[in-house]
C-alpha atoms as a PDB file:
ATOM      1  CA  UNK A   1       2.198   5.036   8.825  1.00  0.00           C
ATOM      2  CA  UNK A   2       5.695   5.678   7.440  1.00  0.00           C
ATOM      3  CA  UNK A   3       6.152   2.296   5.671  1.00  0.00           C
ATOM      4  CA  UNK A   4       2.647   2.596   4.189  1.00  0.00           C
ATOM      5  CA  UNK A   5       3.328   6.154   3.069  1.00  0.00           C
ATOM      6  CA  UNK A   6       6.616   5.140   1.385  1.00  0.00           C
ATOM      7  CA  UNK A   7       4.938   2.255  -0.431  1.00  0.00           C
ATOM      8  CA  UNK A   8       1.979   4.338  -1.657  1.00  0.00           C
ATOM      9  CA  UNK A   9       4.191   7.200  -2.822  1.00  0.00           C
ATOM     10  CA  UNK A  10       6.459   4.757  -4.678  1.00  0.00           C
ATOM     11  CA  UNK A  11       3.348   3.267  -6.295  1.00  0.00           C
ATOM     12  CA  UNK A  12       2.120   6.682  -7.412  1.00  0.00           C
ATOM     13  CA  UNK A  13       5.543   7.395  -8.979  1.00  0.00           C
ATOM     14  CA  UNK A  14       5.425   3.900 -10.550  1.00  0.00           C
ATOM     15  CA  UNK A  15       8.914   3.429  -9.101  1.00  0.00           C
ATOM     16  CA  UNK A  16       9.396  -0.315  -9.470  1.00  0.00           C
ATOM     17  CA  UNK A  17      12.892  -0.258  -7.932  1.00  0.00           C
ATOM     18  CA  UNK A  18      11.604   1.427  -4.763  1.00  0.00           C
ATOM     19  CA  UNK A  19       8.603  -0.901  -4.648  1.00  0.00           C
ATOM     20  CA  UNK A  20      10.931  -3.926  -4.851  1.00  0.00           C
ATOM     21  CA  UNK A  21      12.951  -2.578  -1.905  1.00  0.00           C
ATOM     22  CA  UNK A  22       9.730  -2.073   0.076  1.00  0.00           C
ATOM     23  CA  UNK A  23       8.210  -5.484  -0.766  1.00  0.00           C
ATOM     24  CA  UNK A  24       8.979  -9.136  -0.065  1.00  0.00           C
ATOM     25  CA  UNK A  25       7.973 -10.397  -3.530  1.00  0.00           C
ATOM     26  CA  UNK A  26       6.737  -9.337  -6.962  1.00  0.00           C
ATOM     27  CA  UNK A  27       3.042  -9.536  -5.991  1.00  0.00           C
ATOM     28  CA  UNK A  28       2.810  -6.241  -4.019  1.00  0.00           C
ATOM     29  CA  UNK A  29       4.964  -4.553  -6.662  1.00  0.00           C
ATOM     30  CA  UNK A  30       2.683  -5.675  -9.490  1.00  0.00           C
ATOM     31  CA  UNK A  31      -0.434  -4.681  -7.532  1.00  0.00           C
ATOM     32  CA  UNK A  32       0.949  -1.198  -6.853  1.00  0.00           C
ATOM     33  CA  UNK A  33       1.983  -0.613 -10.469  1.00  0.00           C
ATOM     34  CA  UNK A  34      -1.401  -1.806 -11.769  1.00  0.00           C
ATOM     35  CA  UNK A  35      -3.273   0.381  -9.266  1.00  0.00           C
ATOM     36  CA  UNK A  36      -1.183   3.407 -10.267  1.00  0.00           C
ATOM     37  CA  UNK A  37      -1.830   2.814 -13.978  1.00  0.00           C
ATOM     38  CA  UNK A  38      -5.579   2.253 -13.609  1.00  0.00           C
ATOM     39  CA  UNK A  39      -6.390   4.698 -10.799  1.00  0.00           C
ATOM     40  CA  UNK A  40      -3.733   7.455 -10.658  1.00  0.00           C
ATOM     41  CA  UNK A  41      -6.099  10.173  -9.400  1.00  0.00           C
ATOM     42  CA  UNK A  42      -7.548   7.995  -6.671  1.00  0.00           C
ATOM     43  CA  UNK A  43      -4.133   6.745  -5.576  1.00  0.00           C
ATOM     44  CA  UNK A  44      -2.956  10.367  -5.439  1.00  0.00           C
ATOM     45  CA  UNK A  45      -5.518  10.956  -2.650  1.00  0.00           C
ATOM     46  CA  UNK A  46      -3.736   8.358  -0.539  1.00  0.00           C
ATOM     47  CA  UNK A  47      -0.311   9.824  -1.348  1.00  0.00           C
ATOM     48  CA  UNK A  48      -1.313  13.260  -0.058  1.00  0.00           C
ATOM     49  CA  UNK A  49      -2.473  12.193   3.369  1.00  0.00           C
ATOM     50  CA  UNK A  50      -2.240   8.720   4.794  1.00  0.00           C
ATOM     51  CA  UNK A  51      -4.421   7.629   7.688  1.00  0.00           C
ATOM     52  CA  UNK A  52      -3.120   4.231   8.737  1.00  0.00           C
ATOM     53  CA  UNK A  53      -4.642   2.000  11.391  1.00  0.00           C
ATOM     54  CA  UNK A  54      -3.066  -1.199  12.628  1.00  0.00           C
ATOM     55  CA  UNK A  55      -5.223  -4.271  12.358  1.00  0.00           C
ATOM     56  CA  UNK A  56      -4.413  -7.832  13.249  1.00  0.00           C
ATOM     57  CA  UNK A  57      -0.893  -8.530  14.503  1.00  0.00           C
ATOM     58  CA  UNK A  58       0.266 -12.127  14.173  1.00  0.00           C
ATOM     59  CA  UNK A  59       3.891 -13.050  14.904  1.00  0.00           C
ATOM     60  CA  UNK A  60       6.088 -10.815  12.766  1.00  0.00           C
ATOM     61  CA  UNK A  61       3.212  -9.800  10.463  1.00  0.00           C
ATOM     62  CA  UNK A  62       0.943  -6.789  10.889  1.00  0.00           C
ATOM     63  CA  UNK A  63      -2.095  -5.845   8.847  1.00  0.00           C
ATOM     64  CA  UNK A  64      -2.501  -2.109   8.240  1.00  0.00           C
ATOM     65  CA  UNK A  65      -5.606  -0.370   6.879  1.00  0.00           C
ATOM     66  CA  UNK A  66      -4.860   2.839   4.965  1.00  0.00           C
ATOM     67  CA  UNK A  67      -7.743   5.239   4.420  1.00  0.00           C
ATOM     68  CA  UNK A  68      -7.698   8.167   1.974  1.00  0.00           C
ATOM     69  CA  UNK A  69      -8.963  11.651   2.676  1.00  0.00           C
ATOM     70  CA  UNK A  70     -12.220  12.562   1.009  1.00  0.00           C
ATOM     71  CA  UNK A  71     -15.221  10.489   0.051  1.00  0.00           C
ATOM     72  CA  UNK A  72     -14.245   8.309  -2.906  1.00  0.00           C
ATOM     73  CA  UNK A  73     -12.912   5.194  -1.206  1.00  0.00           C
ATOM     74  CA  UNK A  74     -13.325   6.087   2.441  1.00  0.00           C
ATOM     75  CA  UNK A  75     -15.005   2.760   3.240  1.00  0.00           C
ATOM     76  CA  UNK A  76     -12.606   0.733   1.094  1.00  0.00           C
ATOM     77  CA  UNK A  77      -9.080   1.103   2.447  1.00  0.00           C
ATOM     78  CA  UNK A  78      -5.869  -0.194   1.023  1.00  0.00           C
ATOM     79  CA  UNK A  79      -5.043  -3.243   3.114  1.00  0.00           C
ATOM     80  CA  UNK A  80      -1.315  -3.773   3.485  1.00  0.00           C
ATOM     81  CA  UNK A  81       0.211  -6.755   5.216  1.00  0.00           C
ATOM     82  CA  UNK A  82       3.691  -5.967   6.545  1.00  0.00           C
ATOM     83  CA  UNK A  83       6.399  -8.252   7.848  1.00  0.00           C
ATOM     84  CA  UNK A  84       9.374  -7.224   9.953  1.00  0.00           C
ATOM     85  CA  UNK A  85      12.586  -8.285   8.263  1.00  0.00           C
ATOM     86  CA  UNK A  86      16.306  -7.576   8.757  1.00  0.00           C
ATOM     87  CA  UNK A  87      16.075  -5.048   5.901  1.00  0.00           C
ATOM     88  CA  UNK A  88      13.173  -3.207   7.559  1.00  0.00           C
ATOM     89  CA  UNK A  89       9.406  -3.435   7.415  1.00  0.00           C
ATOM     90  CA  UNK A  90       8.252  -4.770   4.028  1.00  0.00           C
ATOM     91  CA  UNK A  91       4.935  -5.293   2.246  1.00  0.00           C
ATOM     92  CA  UNK A  92       3.915  -8.929   1.853  1.00  0.00           C
ATOM     93  CA  UNK A  93       0.470  -8.288   0.365  1.00  0.00           C
ATOM     94  CA  UNK A  94      -1.527  -5.299  -0.867  1.00  0.00           C
ATOM     95  CA  UNK A  95      -5.175  -5.028  -1.883  1.00  0.00           C
ATOM     96  CA  UNK A  96      -8.092  -2.623  -2.014  1.00  0.00           C
ATOM     97  CA  UNK A  97     -11.686  -3.061  -3.162  1.00  0.00           C
ATOM     98  CA  UNK A  98     -11.372   0.469  -4.564  1.00  0.00           C
ATOM     99  CA  UNK A  99      -8.087   0.035  -6.446  1.00  0.00           C
ATOM    100  CA  UNK A 100      -7.822  -3.634  -7.328  1.00  0.00           C
ATOM    101  CA  UNK A 101      -7.127  -4.201 -11.020  1.00  0.00           C
ATOM    102  CA  UNK A 102     -10.058  -5.118 -13.166  1.00  0.00           C
END
C-alpha cells in the first residue's frame, strides 16, 4: 500500500515533480493530475485511507486495486500497475472508472 499511498497523495497535491519520481512515464502523471483537477473531493477519500489489494503479478509488474473508504466509488477502484525498478517501485499505468477524465 505504501507506493499507492504516495502516488495518490502526490496526485491530490498536484505535485508533478513527485508524480514523475513515482512514475515510469508521463501517462500516469497526466492521469493523476487530471483526476485531481476534475475530482478533488473524491480523490481526497483515497488519500485519507488507502485499502490496496494486489491483483495479477506478471514478471516484474504487479497490478494493485485501491479502494476508497465510503460509498462513492467503492466498486470502482483505482487500478495501478507497478513495476519494480532500480529506483524503487513505480507506476506504469493508472486508471479508474470513477476518476477517469471525461
